[in-house]
Amino acid sequence: MELTPDSALSGQGMIGHATYLLLVVSMMMRNMLYLRIIVILSALVGITYSSVILHDPVGTFWESLLVAVNIVQLAISHILNRRARFSLEEAEFMQGCFSDRGAALRRKLLNRGEWFSGNPGERLTTEGQTVSRLIFIAKGAAAIESAGQVVAVFPGCLRLAVRS
């Protein structure tokens, strides 16, 4: 296919544009699963365009590699999410705080912190000092102070389900 303004706006040209449009749409996804699925769709359209319309084996190869890499990454994410395990307390906390994230990421976040029970008024960290661990607020709230003044209050994340 020769590249001209007419060919760019033809039906075949629109298939090529759809490849890039899907790729742009994928970059707007905040959820990695959706991003990868749309990238795979983009690459499948690109394979069709490269192989059937352009007869371009190089483009077909790269689009095929893009599909393969994204399928492998989806499989790895699926395996890691299935392997993640939580105690009842961790699961309740994570459901309240990070329910929109995969199990593997939630497990990784929990592993970066430690369970800590504080008392009202207890200082969790001091302004200007390096924090050595993540601090999750499950119950209660934490006041955030700067120069001795409260600038924000961070509520805990735990949402308890009522059991009947």
N, C-alpha and C. Protein backbone atom coordinates (compact mmCIF):
# COMPACT_ATOMS: atom_id res chain seq x y z
N MET A 1 0.85 -1.18 0.00
CA MET A 1 0.00 0.00 0.00
C MET A 1 0.89 1.24 0.00
N GLU A 2 0.69 2.10 -0.94
CA GLU A 2 1.45 3.34 -1.05
C GLU A 2 0.87 4.37 -0.09
N LEU A 3 1.74 5.12 0.57
CA LEU A 3 1.29 6.11 1.55
C LEU A 3 0.96 7.43 0.85
N THR A 4 -0.31 7.73 0.81
CA THR A 4 -0.81 8.99 0.25
C THR A 4 -1.92 9.48 1.18
N PRO A 5 -2.33 10.75 1.05
CA PRO A 5 -3.46 11.21 1.86
C PRO A 5 -4.72 10.36 1.66
N ASP A 6 -4.94 9.94 0.42
CA ASP A 6 -6.12 9.10 0.16
C ASP A 6 -6.01 7.75 0.84
N SER A 7 -4.82 7.14 0.78
CA SER A 7 -4.65 5.81 1.40
C SER A 7 -4.74 5.92 2.93
N ALA A 8 -4.27 7.04 3.48
CA ALA A 8 -4.32 7.22 4.94
C ALA A 8 -5.76 7.30 5.43
N LEU A 9 -6.68 7.77 4.58
CA LEU A 9 -8.08 7.90 4.97
C LEU A 9 -8.95 6.78 4.41
N SER A 10 -8.34 5.80 3.78
CA SER A 10 -9.09 4.67 3.23
C SER A 10 -9.47 3.71 4.36
N GLY A 11 -10.28 2.73 4.04
CA GLY A 11 -10.66 1.71 5.02
C GLY A 11 -9.45 0.97 5.56
N GLN A 12 -8.53 0.62 4.66
CA GLN A 12 -7.31 -0.06 5.09
C GLN A 12 -6.45 0.85 5.97
N GLY A 13 -6.37 2.12 5.60
CA GLY A 13 -5.62 3.08 6.41
C GLY A 13 -6.20 3.24 7.80
N MET A 14 -7.53 3.18 7.86
CA MET A 14 -8.20 3.30 9.16
C MET A 14 -7.86 2.13 10.09
N ILE A 15 -7.61 0.97 9.53
CA ILE A 15 -7.19 -0.17 10.35
C ILE A 15 -5.84 0.13 10.99
N GLY A 16 -4.94 0.72 10.21
CA GLY A 16 -3.65 1.14 10.77
C GLY A 16 -3.81 2.18 11.85
N HIS A 17 -4.71 3.14 11.64
CA HIS A 17 -4.95 4.16 12.66
C HIS A 17 -5.54 3.54 13.92
N ALA A 18 -6.40 2.54 13.75
CA ALA A 18 -7.02 1.87 14.91
C ALA A 18 -5.97 1.25 15.80
N THR A 19 -4.90 0.73 15.19
CA THR A 19 -3.80 0.15 15.97
C THR A 19 -3.26 1.17 16.96
N TYR A 20 -2.97 2.36 16.46
CA TYR A 20 -2.39 3.40 17.32
C TYR A 20 -3.42 4.00 18.27
N LEU A 21 -4.65 4.11 17.81
CA LEU A 21 -5.70 4.62 18.69
C LEU A 21 -5.87 3.71 19.91
N LEU A 22 -5.90 2.41 19.68
CA LEU A 22 -6.01 1.47 20.80
C LEU A 22 -4.80 1.57 21.73
N LEU A 23 -3.62 1.78 21.16
CA LEU A 23 -2.42 1.93 21.98
C LEU A 23 -2.51 3.18 22.85
N VAL A 24 -3.00 4.27 22.28
CA VAL A 24 -3.18 5.50 23.05
C VAL A 24 -4.22 5.29 24.15
N VAL A 25 -5.33 4.63 23.82
CA VAL A 25 -6.37 4.35 24.83
C VAL A 25 -5.79 3.48 25.95
N SER A 26 -4.94 2.54 25.61
CA SER A 26 -4.35 1.68 26.65
C SER A 26 -3.54 2.48 27.65
N MET A 27 -2.90 3.53 27.19
CA MET A 27 -2.07 4.35 28.09
C MET A 27 -2.91 5.18 29.05
N MET A 28 -4.21 5.26 28.82
CA MET A 28 -5.09 5.99 29.74
C MET A 28 -5.63 5.09 30.84
N MET A 29 -5.37 3.79 30.75
CA MET A 29 -5.88 2.85 31.74
C MET A 29 -5.07 2.91 33.02
N ARG A 30 -5.74 2.94 34.14
CA ARG A 30 -5.07 2.92 35.44
C ARG A 30 -4.93 1.48 35.94
N ASN A 31 -5.77 0.61 35.43
CA ASN A 31 -5.74 -0.79 35.82
C ASN A 31 -4.84 -1.54 34.84
N MET A 32 -3.81 -2.22 35.37
CA MET A 32 -2.83 -2.88 34.52
C MET A 32 -3.45 -3.99 33.66
N LEU A 33 -4.45 -4.69 34.18
CA LEU A 33 -5.10 -5.73 33.40
C LEU A 33 -5.74 -5.15 32.15
N TYR A 34 -6.50 -4.06 32.32
CA TYR A 34 -7.14 -3.42 31.17
C TYR A 34 -6.11 -2.87 30.20
N LEU A 35 -5.05 -2.27 30.73
CA LEU A 35 -3.99 -1.74 29.88
C LEU A 35 -3.43 -2.84 29.00
N ARG A 36 -3.08 -3.97 29.60
CA ARG A 36 -2.49 -5.07 28.83
C ARG A 36 -3.46 -5.66 27.82
N ILE A 37 -4.72 -5.79 28.19
CA ILE A 37 -5.70 -6.34 27.26
C ILE A 37 -5.86 -5.43 26.04
N ILE A 38 -5.90 -4.13 26.27
CA ILE A 38 -6.05 -3.19 25.15
C ILE A 38 -4.78 -3.16 24.29
N VAL A 39 -3.61 -3.28 24.92
CA VAL A 39 -2.37 -3.37 24.14
C VAL A 39 -2.38 -4.62 23.26
N ILE A 40 -2.86 -5.73 23.82
CA ILE A 40 -2.95 -6.96 23.03
C ILE A 40 -3.90 -6.76 21.85
N LEU A 41 -5.05 -6.13 22.10
CA LEU A 41 -5.98 -5.84 21.00
C LEU A 41 -5.33 -4.96 19.94
N SER A 42 -4.61 -3.94 20.39
CA SER A 42 -3.91 -3.05 19.47
C SER A 42 -2.92 -3.84 18.62
N ALA A 43 -2.16 -4.71 19.26
CA ALA A 43 -1.15 -5.49 18.53
C ALA A 43 -1.81 -6.48 17.57
N LEU A 44 -2.95 -7.05 17.95
CA LEU A 44 -3.65 -7.97 17.03
C LEU A 44 -4.15 -7.23 15.79
N VAL A 45 -4.66 -6.01 15.99
CA VAL A 45 -5.06 -5.20 14.84
C VAL A 45 -3.81 -4.87 14.02
N GLY A 46 -2.71 -4.55 14.71
CA GLY A 46 -1.46 -4.25 14.02
C GLY A 46 -0.92 -5.44 13.23
N ILE A 47 -1.07 -6.64 13.77
CA ILE A 47 -0.65 -7.85 13.04
C ILE A 47 -1.47 -7.98 11.75
N THR A 48 -2.76 -7.77 11.87
CA THR A 48 -3.62 -7.83 10.69
C THR A 48 -3.19 -6.79 9.66
N TYR A 49 -2.97 -5.58 10.12
CA TYR A 49 -2.57 -4.49 9.22
C TYR A 49 -1.22 -4.79 8.56
N SER A 50 -0.24 -5.19 9.39
CA SER A 50 1.11 -5.44 8.87
C SER A 50 1.15 -6.62 7.91
N SER A 51 0.47 -7.70 8.28
CA SER A 51 0.59 -8.91 7.46
C SER A 51 -0.35 -8.91 6.25
N VAL A 52 -1.60 -8.52 6.43
CA VAL A 52 -2.59 -8.62 5.35
C VAL A 52 -2.53 -7.41 4.41
N ILE A 53 -2.40 -6.22 4.95
CA ILE A 53 -2.48 -5.01 4.12
C ILE A 53 -1.10 -4.57 3.63
N LEU A 54 -0.14 -4.49 4.57
CA LEU A 54 1.19 -4.00 4.18
C LEU A 54 2.12 -5.11 3.69
N HIS A 55 1.81 -6.35 4.03
CA HIS A 55 2.69 -7.48 3.71
C HIS A 55 4.10 -7.22 4.26
N ASP A 56 4.13 -6.79 5.53
CA ASP A 56 5.37 -6.39 6.20
C ASP A 56 5.71 -7.41 7.29
N PRO A 57 6.65 -8.34 7.03
CA PRO A 57 6.98 -9.35 8.03
C PRO A 57 7.66 -8.76 9.27
N VAL A 58 8.38 -7.66 9.12
CA VAL A 58 9.05 -7.06 10.27
C VAL A 58 8.02 -6.47 11.24
N GLY A 59 7.06 -5.71 10.70
CA GLY A 59 6.00 -5.17 11.54
C GLY A 59 5.18 -6.27 12.19
N THR A 60 4.90 -7.33 11.43
CA THR A 60 4.16 -8.46 11.97
C THR A 60 4.93 -9.11 13.12
N PHE A 61 6.24 -9.25 12.95
CA PHE A 61 7.07 -9.83 14.02
C PHE A 61 6.97 -9.00 15.29
N TRP A 62 7.17 -7.67 15.20
CA TRP A 62 7.17 -6.82 16.39
C TRP A 62 5.81 -6.78 17.06
N GLU A 63 4.76 -6.75 16.28
CA GLU A 63 3.41 -6.76 16.86
C GLU A 63 3.15 -8.10 17.55
N SER A 64 3.62 -9.19 16.94
CA SER A 64 3.47 -10.51 17.55
C SER A 64 4.25 -10.61 18.86
N LEU A 65 5.44 -10.04 18.87
CA LEU A 65 6.24 -10.03 20.10
C LEU A 65 5.53 -9.23 21.20
N LEU A 66 4.90 -8.13 20.82
CA LEU A 66 4.14 -7.33 21.78
C LEU A 66 2.99 -8.14 22.39
N VAL A 67 2.30 -8.91 21.56
CA VAL A 67 1.24 -9.78 22.07
C VAL A 67 1.82 -10.80 23.04
N ALA A 68 2.90 -11.46 22.64
CA ALA A 68 3.50 -12.51 23.47
C ALA A 68 3.97 -11.97 24.82
N VAL A 69 4.65 -10.84 24.81
CA VAL A 69 5.16 -10.27 26.07
C VAL A 69 4.00 -9.93 27.01
N ASN A 70 2.94 -9.35 26.48
CA ASN A 70 1.81 -8.98 27.33
C ASN A 70 1.06 -10.20 27.85
N ILE A 71 0.96 -11.26 27.05
CA ILE A 71 0.32 -12.49 27.54
C ILE A 71 1.16 -13.10 28.65
N VAL A 72 2.48 -13.12 28.49
CA VAL A 72 3.36 -13.65 29.54
C VAL A 72 3.22 -12.82 30.81
N GLN A 73 3.19 -11.50 30.68
CA GLN A 73 3.05 -10.64 31.86
C GLN A 73 1.71 -10.85 32.55
N LEU A 74 0.64 -11.03 31.78
CA LEU A 74 -0.66 -11.33 32.38
C LEU A 74 -0.62 -12.66 33.13
N ALA A 75 0.05 -13.66 32.57
CA ALA A 75 0.17 -14.96 33.23
C ALA A 75 0.97 -14.85 34.52
N ILE A 76 2.06 -14.09 34.50
CA ILE A 76 2.86 -13.90 35.71
C ILE A 76 2.03 -13.20 36.79
N SER A 77 1.31 -12.16 36.42
CA SER A 77 0.46 -11.45 37.39
C SER A 77 -0.59 -12.38 37.97
N HIS A 78 -1.19 -13.19 37.12
CA HIS A 78 -2.21 -14.14 37.58
C HIS A 78 -1.62 -15.13 38.59
N ILE A 79 -0.45 -15.66 38.29
CA ILE A 79 0.20 -16.62 39.20
C ILE A 79 0.56 -15.95 40.52
N LEU A 80 1.14 -14.76 40.46
CA LEU A 80 1.51 -14.05 41.70
C LEU A 80 0.28 -13.71 42.53
N ASN A 81 -0.80 -13.30 41.89
CA ASN A 81 -2.03 -12.97 42.62
C ASN A 81 -2.62 -14.21 43.28
N ARG A 82 -2.53 -15.35 42.62
CA ARG A 82 -3.06 -16.59 43.20
C ARG A 82 -2.23 -17.07 44.37
N ARG A 83 -0.93 -16.78 44.36
CA ARG A 83 -0.03 -17.23 45.43
C ARG A 83 -0.11 -16.36 46.68
N ALA A 84 -0.58 -15.13 46.55
CA ALA A 84 -0.61 -14.20 47.69
C ALA A 84 -1.57 -14.71 48.76
N ARG A 85 -1.11 -14.74 49.99
CA ARG A 85 -1.91 -15.21 51.11
C ARG A 85 -1.96 -14.13 52.19
N PHE A 86 -3.11 -14.06 52.86
CA PHE A 86 -3.32 -13.04 53.89
C PHE A 86 -3.96 -13.67 55.11
N SER A 87 -3.59 -13.16 56.28
CA SER A 87 -4.32 -13.55 57.49
C SER A 87 -5.68 -12.86 57.42
N LEU A 88 -6.60 -13.26 58.28
CA LEU A 88 -7.93 -12.64 58.31
C LEU A 88 -7.82 -11.15 58.57
N GLU A 89 -6.98 -10.77 59.52
CA GLU A 89 -6.79 -9.36 59.86
C GLU A 89 -6.22 -8.58 58.66
N GLU A 90 -5.23 -9.15 57.98
CA GLU A 90 -4.64 -8.50 56.82
C GLU A 90 -5.67 -8.37 55.69
N ALA A 91 -6.42 -9.42 55.46
CA ALA A 91 -7.42 -9.41 54.39
C ALA A 91 -8.48 -8.34 54.64
N GLU A 92 -8.96 -8.23 55.87
CA GLU A 92 -9.95 -7.20 56.20
C GLU A 92 -9.38 -5.80 56.00
N PHE A 93 -8.15 -5.62 56.45
CA PHE A 93 -7.51 -4.31 56.30
C PHE A 93 -7.32 -3.97 54.82
N MET A 94 -6.79 -4.90 54.06
CA MET A 94 -6.53 -4.64 52.64
C MET A 94 -7.82 -4.45 51.84
N GLN A 95 -8.88 -5.13 52.23
CA GLN A 95 -10.15 -4.94 51.54
C GLN A 95 -10.65 -3.51 51.72
N GLY A 96 -10.43 -2.96 52.89
CA GLY A 96 -10.84 -1.59 53.15
C GLY A 96 -9.95 -0.55 52.50
N CYS A 97 -8.65 -0.85 52.38
CA CYS A 97 -7.70 0.15 51.88
C CYS A 97 -7.35 0.02 50.40
N PHE A 98 -7.11 -1.18 49.97
CA PHE A 98 -6.54 -1.38 48.64
C PHE A 98 -7.31 -2.42 47.84
N SER A 99 -8.62 -2.39 47.92
CA SER A 99 -9.42 -3.41 47.25
C SER A 99 -9.32 -3.33 45.74
N ASP A 100 -8.86 -2.19 45.21
CA ASP A 100 -8.75 -2.04 43.76
C ASP A 100 -7.40 -2.50 43.22
N ARG A 101 -6.55 -3.04 44.06
CA ARG A 101 -5.23 -3.51 43.65
C ARG A 101 -5.21 -5.04 43.66
N GLY A 102 -4.32 -5.63 42.89
CA GLY A 102 -4.18 -7.07 42.85
C GLY A 102 -3.63 -7.62 44.15
N ALA A 103 -3.88 -8.89 44.38
CA ALA A 103 -3.43 -9.53 45.63
C ALA A 103 -1.91 -9.49 45.78
N ALA A 104 -1.19 -9.66 44.68
CA ALA A 104 0.28 -9.65 44.75
C ALA A 104 0.79 -8.28 45.21
N LEU A 105 0.21 -7.20 44.69
CA LEU A 105 0.63 -5.86 45.11
C LEU A 105 0.25 -5.61 46.57
N ARG A 106 -0.94 -6.05 46.97
CA ARG A 106 -1.34 -5.89 48.38
C ARG A 106 -0.38 -6.63 49.30
N ARG A 107 0.03 -7.84 48.91
CA ARG A 107 0.97 -8.62 49.72
C ARG A 107 2.30 -7.89 49.80
N LYS A 108 2.75 -7.34 48.67
CA LYS A 108 4.02 -6.61 48.63
C LYS A 108 3.97 -5.39 49.55
N LEU A 109 2.85 -4.67 49.53
CA LEU A 109 2.70 -3.51 50.41
C LEU A 109 2.76 -3.92 51.88
N LEU A 110 2.04 -4.98 52.22
CA LEU A 110 2.05 -5.43 53.61
C LEU A 110 3.45 -5.87 54.04
N ASN A 111 4.19 -6.48 53.15
CA ASN A 111 5.54 -6.94 53.48
C ASN A 111 6.51 -5.78 53.71
N ARG A 112 6.17 -4.60 53.20
CA ARG A 112 7.04 -3.43 53.37
C ARG A 112 6.80 -2.71 54.70
N GLY A 113 5.75 -3.10 55.38
CA GLY A 113 5.44 -2.47 56.66
C GLY A 113 5.42 -3.50 57.77
N GLU A 114 4.87 -3.11 58.87
CA GLU A 114 4.73 -4.05 59.98
C GLU A 114 3.47 -3.69 60.76
N TRP A 115 2.87 -4.73 61.35
CA TRP A 115 1.68 -4.50 62.17
C TRP A 115 2.12 -3.82 63.45
N PHE A 116 1.41 -2.78 63.79
CA PHE A 116 1.79 -1.96 64.93
C PHE A 116 0.51 -1.45 65.59
N SER A 117 0.42 -1.62 66.88
CA SER A 117 -0.72 -1.08 67.63
C SER A 117 -0.23 0.08 68.46
N GLY A 118 -0.74 1.25 68.15
CA GLY A 118 -0.33 2.43 68.89
C GLY A 118 -1.41 2.89 69.84
N ASN A 119 -1.03 3.77 70.72
CA ASN A 119 -1.96 4.36 71.68
C ASN A 119 -2.33 5.76 71.22
N PRO A 120 -3.52 6.23 71.60
CA PRO A 120 -3.90 7.60 71.23
C PRO A 120 -2.82 8.60 71.63
N GLY A 121 -2.46 9.48 70.71
CA GLY A 121 -1.46 10.50 70.97
C GLY A 121 -0.03 10.05 70.73
N GLU A 122 0.16 8.78 70.43
CA GLU A 122 1.52 8.28 70.21
C GLU A 122 2.06 8.80 68.88
N ARG A 123 3.35 9.19 68.88
CA ARG A 123 4.00 9.72 67.68
C ARG A 123 4.48 8.55 66.83
N LEU A 124 4.09 8.56 65.56
CA LEU A 124 4.48 7.49 64.64
C LEU A 124 5.79 7.79 63.93
N THR A 125 6.02 9.06 63.65
CA THR A 125 7.25 9.49 63.00
C THR A 125 7.44 10.98 63.30
N THR A 126 8.61 11.48 63.02
CA THR A 126 8.92 12.87 63.30
C THR A 126 9.31 13.57 62.01
N GLU A 127 8.79 14.77 61.83
CA GLU A 127 9.07 15.55 60.64
C GLU A 127 10.58 15.68 60.43
N GLY A 128 11.03 15.42 59.20
CA GLY A 128 12.44 15.54 58.86
C GLY A 128 13.23 14.26 59.04
N GLN A 129 12.68 13.26 59.73
CA GLN A 129 13.39 11.99 59.91
C GLN A 129 12.97 10.99 58.85
N THR A 130 13.91 10.15 58.46
CA THR A 130 13.62 9.11 57.49
C THR A 130 12.73 8.06 58.13
N VAL A 131 11.72 7.64 57.39
CA VAL A 131 10.80 6.61 57.87
C VAL A 131 11.34 5.26 57.41
N SER A 132 11.47 4.32 58.33
CA SER A 132 12.08 3.03 58.01
C SER A 132 11.06 1.96 57.59
N ARG A 133 9.78 2.25 57.77
CA ARG A 133 8.76 1.25 57.43
C ARG A 133 7.47 1.96 57.04
N LEU A 134 6.62 1.24 56.31
CA LEU A 134 5.30 1.76 56.02
C LEU A 134 4.45 1.68 57.27
N ILE A 135 3.60 2.64 57.45
CA ILE A 135 2.70 2.63 58.59
C ILE A 135 1.28 2.66 58.04
N PHE A 136 0.53 1.62 58.32
CA PHE A 136 -0.86 1.54 57.90
C PHE A 136 -1.74 1.84 59.09
N ILE A 137 -2.73 2.68 58.89
CA ILE A 137 -3.67 3.01 59.94
C ILE A 137 -4.93 2.19 59.70
N ALA A 138 -5.13 1.17 60.54
CA ALA A 138 -6.30 0.29 60.36
C ALA A 138 -7.50 0.83 61.13
N LYS A 139 -7.28 1.23 62.34
CA LYS A 139 -8.36 1.74 63.18
C LYS A 139 -7.93 3.09 63.73
N GLY A 140 -8.88 3.96 63.86
CA GLY A 140 -8.58 5.29 64.39
C GLY A 140 -8.13 6.21 63.29
N ALA A 141 -7.29 7.18 63.63
CA ALA A 141 -6.81 8.16 62.67
C ALA A 141 -5.46 8.67 63.13
N ALA A 142 -4.76 9.32 62.21
CA ALA A 142 -3.47 9.92 62.54
C ALA A 142 -3.51 11.39 62.16
N ALA A 143 -3.09 12.24 63.09
CA ALA A 143 -2.98 13.66 62.80
C ALA A 143 -1.60 13.91 62.20
N ILE A 144 -1.56 14.71 61.16
CA ILE A 144 -0.30 15.06 60.51
C ILE A 144 0.00 16.49 60.88
N GLU A 145 1.17 16.67 61.52
CA GLU A 145 1.56 17.98 62.00
C GLU A 145 2.79 18.48 61.26
N SER A 146 2.85 19.79 61.07
CA SER A 146 4.02 20.44 60.51
C SER A 146 4.27 21.69 61.34
N ALA A 147 5.46 21.82 61.84
CA ALA A 147 5.83 22.95 62.70
C ALA A 147 4.88 23.07 63.88
N GLY A 148 4.45 21.94 64.44
CA GLY A 148 3.60 21.94 65.61
C GLY A 148 2.12 22.18 65.34
N GLN A 149 1.73 22.38 64.09
CA GLN A 149 0.34 22.63 63.73
C GLN A 149 -0.23 21.44 62.97
N VAL A 150 -1.45 21.03 63.32
CA VAL A 150 -2.12 19.95 62.60
C VAL A 150 -2.50 20.47 61.21
N VAL A 151 -2.00 19.79 60.16
CA VAL A 151 -2.30 20.21 58.79
C VAL A 151 -3.27 19.25 58.10
N ALA A 152 -3.42 18.04 58.64
CA ALA A 152 -4.35 17.07 58.06
C ALA A 152 -4.59 15.96 59.06
N VAL A 153 -5.68 15.26 58.86
CA VAL A 153 -5.98 14.07 59.65
C VAL A 153 -6.24 12.94 58.67
N PHE A 154 -5.49 11.85 58.86
CA PHE A 154 -5.61 10.71 57.98
C PHE A 154 -6.42 9.63 58.68
N PRO A 155 -7.61 9.29 58.14
CA PRO A 155 -8.42 8.25 58.77
C PRO A 155 -7.91 6.85 58.45
N GLY A 156 -8.19 5.91 59.31
CA GLY A 156 -7.83 4.53 59.05
C GLY A 156 -8.66 3.96 57.91
N CYS A 157 -8.24 2.79 57.41
CA CYS A 157 -8.87 2.19 56.23
C CYS A 157 -9.80 1.03 56.54
N LEU A 158 -9.71 0.45 57.69
CA LEU A 158 -10.45 -0.79 57.96
C LEU A 158 -11.94 -0.54 57.98
N ARG A 159 -12.66 -1.28 57.16
CA ARG A 159 -14.11 -1.22 57.12
C ARG A 159 -14.60 -2.59 57.51
N LEU A 160 -15.19 -2.68 58.65
CA LEU A 160 -15.65 -3.98 59.14
C LEU A 160 -17.03 -4.31 58.56
N ALA A 161 -17.16 -5.51 58.08
CA ALA A 161 -18.45 -5.98 57.57
C ALA A 161 -19.30 -6.43 58.75
N VAL A 162 -20.58 -6.12 58.72
CA VAL A 162 -21.49 -6.56 59.77
C VAL A 162 -21.92 -7.97 59.43
N ARG A 163 -21.67 -8.88 60.37
CA ARG A 163 -22.04 -10.27 60.14
C ARG A 163 -23.36 -10.56 60.83
N SER A 164 -24.25 -11.23 60.12
CA SER A 164 -25.54 -11.55 60.72
C SER A 164 -25.59 -12.99 61.17
